[in-house]
C-alpha atoms as a PDB file:
ATOM      1  CA  MET A   1      11.527 -29.596 -20.982  1.00  0.00           C
ATOM      2  CA  VAL A   2       8.170 -28.685 -19.478  1.00  0.00           C
ATOM      3  CA  LEU A   3       8.264 -26.110 -16.731  1.00  0.00           C
ATOM      4  CA  PRO A   4       5.940 -26.552 -13.760  1.00  0.00           C
ATOM      5  CA  PRO A   5       3.155 -23.977 -13.578  1.00  0.00           C
ATOM      6  CA  GLN A   6       4.127 -20.807 -11.795  1.00  0.00           C
ATOM      7  CA  GLU A   7       2.785 -20.538  -8.298  1.00  0.00           C
ATOM      8  CA  GLY A   8       3.152 -16.800  -7.881  1.00  0.00           C
ATOM      9  CA  THR A   9       2.445 -14.823  -4.755  1.00  0.00           C
ATOM     10  CA  PRO A  10      -1.170 -14.237  -3.737  1.00  0.00           C
ATOM     11  CA  VAL A  11      -2.274 -10.622  -3.717  1.00  0.00           C
ATOM     12  CA  LYS A  12      -2.655  -9.204  -0.220  1.00  0.00           C
ATOM     13  CA  TYR A  13      -5.442  -6.725   0.422  1.00  0.00           C
ATOM     14  CA  ASP A  14      -4.584  -4.875   3.612  1.00  0.00           C
ATOM     15  CA  VAL A  15      -8.161  -3.742   4.215  1.00  0.00           C
ATOM     16  CA  ALA A  16      -7.455  -2.911   7.861  1.00  0.00           C
ATOM     17  CA  SER A  17      -5.015  -0.185   6.779  1.00  0.00           C
ATOM     18  CA  TRP A  18      -7.549   1.396   4.402  1.00  0.00           C
ATOM     19  CA  GLY A  19      -8.970   3.113   7.388  1.00  0.00           C
ATOM     20  CA  THR A  20     -12.256   3.891   8.933  1.00  0.00           C
ATOM     21  CA  GLN A  21     -11.904   7.633   8.561  1.00  0.00           C
ATOM     22  CA  LYS A  22     -15.115   9.461   7.866  1.00  0.00           C
ATOM     23  CA  VAL A  23     -16.283   9.429   4.268  1.00  0.00           C
ATOM     24  CA  GLN A  24     -18.906  11.558   2.582  1.00  0.00           C
ATOM     25  CA  ALA A  25     -22.141   9.536   2.487  1.00  0.00           C
ATOM     26  CA  LEU A  26     -23.595   9.175  -1.002  1.00  0.00           C
ATOM     27  CA  ASN A  27     -26.870   7.965  -2.475  1.00  0.00           C
ATOM     28  CA  VAL A  28     -26.873   5.612  -5.460  1.00  0.00           C
ATOM     29  CA  ASP A  29     -28.224   8.376  -7.711  1.00  0.00           C
ATOM     30  CA  GLN A  30     -25.347  10.822  -7.026  1.00  0.00           C
ATOM     31  CA  LEU A  31     -23.457   9.655 -10.108  1.00  0.00           C
ATOM     32  CA  ASP A  32     -20.984  12.540 -10.414  1.00  0.00           C
ATOM     33  CA  SER A  33     -19.848  12.148  -6.804  1.00  0.00           C
ATOM     34  CA  ILE A  34     -19.670   8.369  -7.209  1.00  0.00           C
ATOM     35  CA  LYS A  35     -17.514   8.747 -10.326  1.00  0.00           C
ATOM     36  CA  SER A  36     -15.182  11.201  -8.570  1.00  0.00           C
ATOM     37  CA  THR A  37     -14.385   8.564  -5.914  1.00  0.00           C
ATOM     38  CA  PHE A  38     -13.044   6.317  -8.700  1.00  0.00           C
ATOM     39  CA  GLY A  39     -11.097   9.150 -10.333  1.00  0.00           C
ATOM     40  CA  LYS A  40     -11.116  10.490 -13.888  1.00  0.00           C
ATOM     41  CA  VAL A  41     -13.353   8.851 -16.481  1.00  0.00           C
ATOM     42  CA  VAL A  42     -11.145   7.758 -19.387  1.00  0.00           C
ATOM     43  CA  SER A  43     -13.971   6.593 -21.657  1.00  0.00           C
ATOM     44  CA  THR A  44     -17.756   6.363 -21.627  1.00  0.00           C
ATOM     45  CA  ASP A  45     -19.938   3.866 -23.473  1.00  0.00           C
ATOM     46  CA  GLU A  46     -23.548   5.055 -23.481  1.00  0.00           C
ATOM     47  CA  ASN A  47     -24.650   1.881 -25.309  1.00  0.00           C
ATOM     48  CA  SER A  48     -23.601  -0.651 -22.718  1.00  0.00           C
ATOM     49  CA  LEU A  49     -25.717  -3.152 -20.792  1.00  0.00           C
ATOM     50  CA  ASP A  50     -26.106  -3.727 -17.078  1.00  0.00           C
ATOM     51  CA  TYR A  51     -26.056  -7.004 -15.172  1.00  0.00           C
ATOM     52  CA  ALA A  52     -29.610  -7.832 -16.310  1.00  0.00           C
ATOM     53  CA  SER A  53     -29.037  -6.712 -19.943  1.00  0.00           C
ATOM     54  CA  ASN A  54     -30.829  -3.379 -19.543  1.00  0.00           C
ATOM     55  CA  PRO A  55     -29.472  -0.296 -21.365  1.00  0.00           C
ATOM     56  CA  ALA A  56     -26.722   1.318 -19.304  1.00  0.00           C
ATOM     57  CA  ALA A  57     -23.768   3.672 -19.422  1.00  0.00           C
ATOM     58  CA  LYS A  58     -20.333   2.218 -18.715  1.00  0.00           C
ATOM     59  CA  TYR A  59     -17.654   4.515 -17.318  1.00  0.00           C
ATOM     60  CA  ARG A  60     -14.071   3.271 -17.601  1.00  0.00           C
ATOM     61  CA  PHE A  61     -11.445   4.720 -15.291  1.00  0.00           C
ATOM     62  CA  MET A  62      -8.441   2.988 -16.902  1.00  0.00           C
ATOM     63  CA  ASN A  63      -7.064   2.755 -20.441  1.00  0.00           C
ATOM     64  CA  THR A  64      -8.179  -0.353 -22.312  1.00  0.00           C
ATOM     65  CA  ASP A  65      -4.779  -2.067 -21.981  1.00  0.00           C
ATOM     66  CA  ALA A  66      -4.691  -1.658 -18.181  1.00  0.00           C
ATOM     67  CA  PRO A  67      -6.480  -3.696 -15.481  1.00  0.00           C
ATOM     68  CA  TYR A  68      -9.998  -2.307 -15.556  1.00  0.00           C
ATOM     69  CA  LEU A  69     -11.959  -0.229 -13.075  1.00  0.00           C
ATOM     70  CA  ASP A  70     -15.525   0.401 -14.263  1.00  0.00           C
ATOM     71  CA  LEU A  71     -18.841   1.798 -13.132  1.00  0.00           C
ATOM     72  CA  ILE A  72     -21.986   0.729 -14.950  1.00  0.00           C
ATOM     73  CA  ASP A  73     -25.061   2.826 -14.340  1.00  0.00           C
ATOM     74  CA  SER A  74     -28.578   1.974 -15.479  1.00  0.00           C
ATOM     75  CA  GLU A  75     -32.048   2.856 -14.324  1.00  0.00           C
ATOM     76  CA  LYS A  76     -32.144  -0.177 -12.050  1.00  0.00           C
ATOM     77  CA  TYR A  77     -28.520  -0.968 -11.128  1.00  0.00           C
ATOM     78  CA  LEU A  78     -25.265   0.618 -10.067  1.00  0.00           C
ATOM     79  CA  GLU A  79     -22.382  -1.761 -10.695  1.00  0.00           C
ATOM     80  CA  LEU A  80     -18.787  -1.516  -9.536  1.00  0.00           C
ATOM     81  CA  GLY A  81     -16.373  -3.712 -11.435  1.00  0.00           C
ATOM     82  CA  TRP A  82     -12.620  -4.069 -11.181  1.00  0.00           C
ATOM     83  CA  TYR A  83      -9.771  -6.353 -12.132  1.00  0.00           C
ATOM     84  CA  PHE A  84      -9.006  -8.979  -9.501  1.00  0.00           C
ATOM     85  CA  ALA A  85      -5.339  -9.903  -9.870  1.00  0.00           C
ATOM     86  CA  ASN A  86      -4.168 -13.478  -9.575  1.00  0.00           C
ATOM     87  CA  PRO A  87      -0.949 -14.772  -7.980  1.00  0.00           C
ATOM     88  CA  THR A  88       0.966 -14.976 -11.282  1.00  0.00           C
ATOM     89  CA  ASP A  89       0.197 -11.399 -12.393  1.00  0.00           C
ATOM     90  CA  SER A  90       2.943  -8.783 -12.518  1.00  0.00           C
ATOM     91  CA  ASP A  91       3.632  -6.575  -9.511  1.00  0.00           C
ATOM     92  CA  LYS A  92       2.155  -3.636 -11.434  1.00  0.00           C
ATOM     93  CA  GLU A  93      -1.083  -5.529 -12.141  1.00  0.00           C
ATOM     94  CA  LYS A  94      -1.304  -6.566  -8.496  1.00  0.00           C
ATOM     95  CA  GLU A  95      -0.722  -2.994  -7.357  1.00  0.00           C
ATOM     96  CA  LEU A  96      -3.470  -1.701  -9.668  1.00  0.00           C
ATOM     97  CA  SER A  97      -5.809  -4.438  -8.453  1.00  0.00           C
ATOM     98  CA  GLN A  98      -5.115  -3.371  -4.852  1.00  0.00           C
ATOM     99  CA  ASN A  99      -5.706   0.304  -5.728  1.00  0.00           C
ATOM    100  CA  HIS A 100      -8.984  -0.548  -7.481  1.00  0.00           C
ATOM    101  CA  ALA A 101     -10.119  -2.592  -4.487  1.00  0.00           C
ATOM    102  CA  LYS A 102      -9.264   0.292  -2.151  1.00  0.00           C
ATOM    103  CA  LYS A 103     -11.305   2.760  -4.242  1.00  0.00           C
ATOM    104  CA  SER A 104     -14.194   0.287  -4.312  1.00  0.00           C
ATOM    105  CA  TYR A 105     -13.902  -0.135  -0.543  1.00  0.00           C
ATOM    106  CA  THR A 106     -14.123   3.649  -0.103  1.00  0.00           C
ATOM    107  CA  LEU A 107     -17.094   3.917  -2.460  1.00  0.00           C
ATOM    108  CA  ALA A 108     -18.870   1.012  -0.756  1.00  0.00           C
ATOM    109  CA  ARG A 109     -18.427   2.815   2.573  1.00  0.00           C
ATOM    110  CA  GLN A 110     -19.813   6.022   1.038  1.00  0.00           C
ATOM    111  CA  LEU A 111     -22.880   4.155  -0.228  1.00  0.00           C
ATOM    112  CA  MET A 112     -23.402   1.666   2.614  1.00  0.00           C
ATOM    113  CA  GLY A 113     -21.408   2.879   5.607  1.00  0.00           C
ATOM    114  CA  ASP A 114     -18.965   0.597   7.417  1.00  0.00           C
ATOM    115  CA  GLU A 115     -21.092  -2.409   6.393  1.00  0.00           C
ATOM    116  CA  GLY A 116     -20.129  -1.587   2.796  1.00  0.00           C
ATOM    117  CA  GLY A 117     -16.449  -1.692   3.683  1.00  0.00           C
ATOM    118  CA  LYS A 118     -16.923  -5.068   5.364  1.00  0.00           C
ATOM    119  CA  LEU A 119     -18.771  -6.281   2.264  1.00  0.00           C
ATOM    120  CA  VAL A 120     -15.775  -5.464   0.025  1.00  0.00           C
ATOM    121  CA  ALA A 121     -13.410  -7.113   2.536  1.00  0.00           C
ATOM    122  CA  ASP A 122     -15.610 -10.243   2.448  1.00  0.00           C
ATOM    123  CA  MET A 123     -15.598 -10.196  -1.381  1.00  0.00           C
ATOM    124  CA  LEU A 124     -11.801  -9.984  -1.455  1.00  0.00           C
ATOM    125  CA  ASN A 125     -11.687 -12.994   0.888  1.00  0.00           C
ATOM    126  CA  GLY A 126     -13.694 -15.102  -1.557  1.00  0.00           C
ATOM    127  CA  GLN A 127     -17.209 -14.754  -0.191  1.00  0.00           C
ATOM    128  CA  ILE A 128     -20.130 -14.482  -2.613  1.00  0.00           C
ATOM    129  CA  ILE A 129     -22.976 -12.299  -1.388  1.00  0.00           C
ATOM    130  CA  LYS A 130     -26.395 -12.433  -3.059  1.00  0.00           C
ATOM    131  CA  ASN A 131     -29.640 -10.547  -2.437  1.00  0.00           C
ATOM    132  CA  LYS A 132     -28.676  -8.993   0.865  1.00  0.00           C
ATOM    133  CA  VAL A 133     -29.448  -5.557   2.260  1.00  0.00           C
ATOM    134  CA  VAL A 134     -26.165  -3.948   3.294  1.00  0.00           C
ATOM    135  CA  GLY A 135     -26.172  -0.517   4.892  1.00  0.00           C
ATOM    136  CA  GLY A 136     -29.604   0.244   3.451  1.00  0.00           C
ATOM    137  CA  GLN A 137     -28.718  -0.836  -0.107  1.00  0.00           C
ATOM    138  CA  LYS A 138     -29.976  -3.986  -1.808  1.00  0.00           C
ATOM    139  CA  VAL A 139     -26.868  -5.835  -2.964  1.00  0.00           C
ATOM    140  CA  GLU A 140     -27.943  -8.105  -5.794  1.00  0.00           C
ATOM    141  CA  LEU A 141     -24.528  -9.745  -6.158  1.00  0.00           C
ATOM    142  CA  ALA A 142     -21.032  -9.151  -4.798  1.00  0.00           C
ATOM    143  CA  LYS A 143     -18.098 -11.425  -5.609  1.00  0.00           C
ATOM    144  CA  CYS A 144     -14.463 -11.640  -6.678  1.00  0.00           C
ATOM    145  CA  GLU A 145     -13.527 -14.582  -8.870  1.00  0.00           C
ATOM    146  CA  PHE A 146     -11.925 -15.342 -12.238  1.00  0.00           C
ATOM    147  CA  TYR A 147      -9.934 -12.087 -12.466  1.00  0.00           C
ATOM    148  CA  SER A 148     -12.936  -9.916 -11.744  1.00  0.00           C
ATOM    149  CA  CYS A 149     -14.769  -8.317  -8.844  1.00  0.00           C
ATOM    150  CA  MET A 150     -18.315  -7.083  -9.170  1.00  0.00           C
ATOM    151  CA  LEU A 151     -20.595  -5.353  -6.719  1.00  0.00           C
ATOM    152  CA  ILE A 152     -24.124  -4.867  -8.030  1.00  0.00           C
ATOM    153  CA  ILE A 153     -26.561  -2.623  -6.192  1.00  0.00           C
ATOM    154  CA  ASN A 154     -30.254  -2.689  -7.046  1.00  0.00           C
ATOM    155  CA  LYS A 155     -31.080   1.031  -7.067  1.00  0.00           C
ATOM    156  CA  SER A 156     -34.840   0.560  -7.215  1.00  0.00           C
ATOM    157  CA  ALA A 157     -34.738  -1.325  -3.915  1.00  0.00           C
ATOM    158  CA  ALA A 158     -32.317   1.113  -2.276  1.00  0.00           C
ATOM    159  CA  GLN A 159     -33.122   3.107   0.810  1.00  0.00           C
ATOM    160  CA  THR A 160     -32.431   6.648  -0.328  1.00  0.00           C
ATOM    161  CA  ASP A 161     -33.765   8.500   2.690  1.00  0.00           C
ATOM    162  CA  ASN A 162     -31.023   9.727   4.991  1.00  0.00           C
ATOM    163  CA  LYS A 163     -32.415   8.364   8.260  1.00  0.00           C
END
């Protein structure tokens, strides 16, 4: 007997409840503060590659067997990456995916203001954003698809003055 594929329940991202409380504004080069928003670094790979295959450091904030939450930092890019749960994932995987998205939402607001929060909300709703200035940062690519979300900021094109 062949069972029909499981439908599952889509993951809900209650972005509205994540708040608009004030966050500490950060620049893309404030790596320690950026990392602290994501939590404790579990492992570091200094020999990683960024989005454009340049040398980079990858910081993992989850154990390897858990849904990932990563920062990749290179000379040119700052990348946020996290596991994007699908409807058939376990409740635990969905919960971690929601937590990762919430941390990314907070970090995006720290780096790009409220426009950054809206950007993450748009990503979670299936929009793909390419080559757009958001809150003074050049977003090279932002999307959630195929179990993964990525938000790539071009640091060399960033506005780092606090005006």
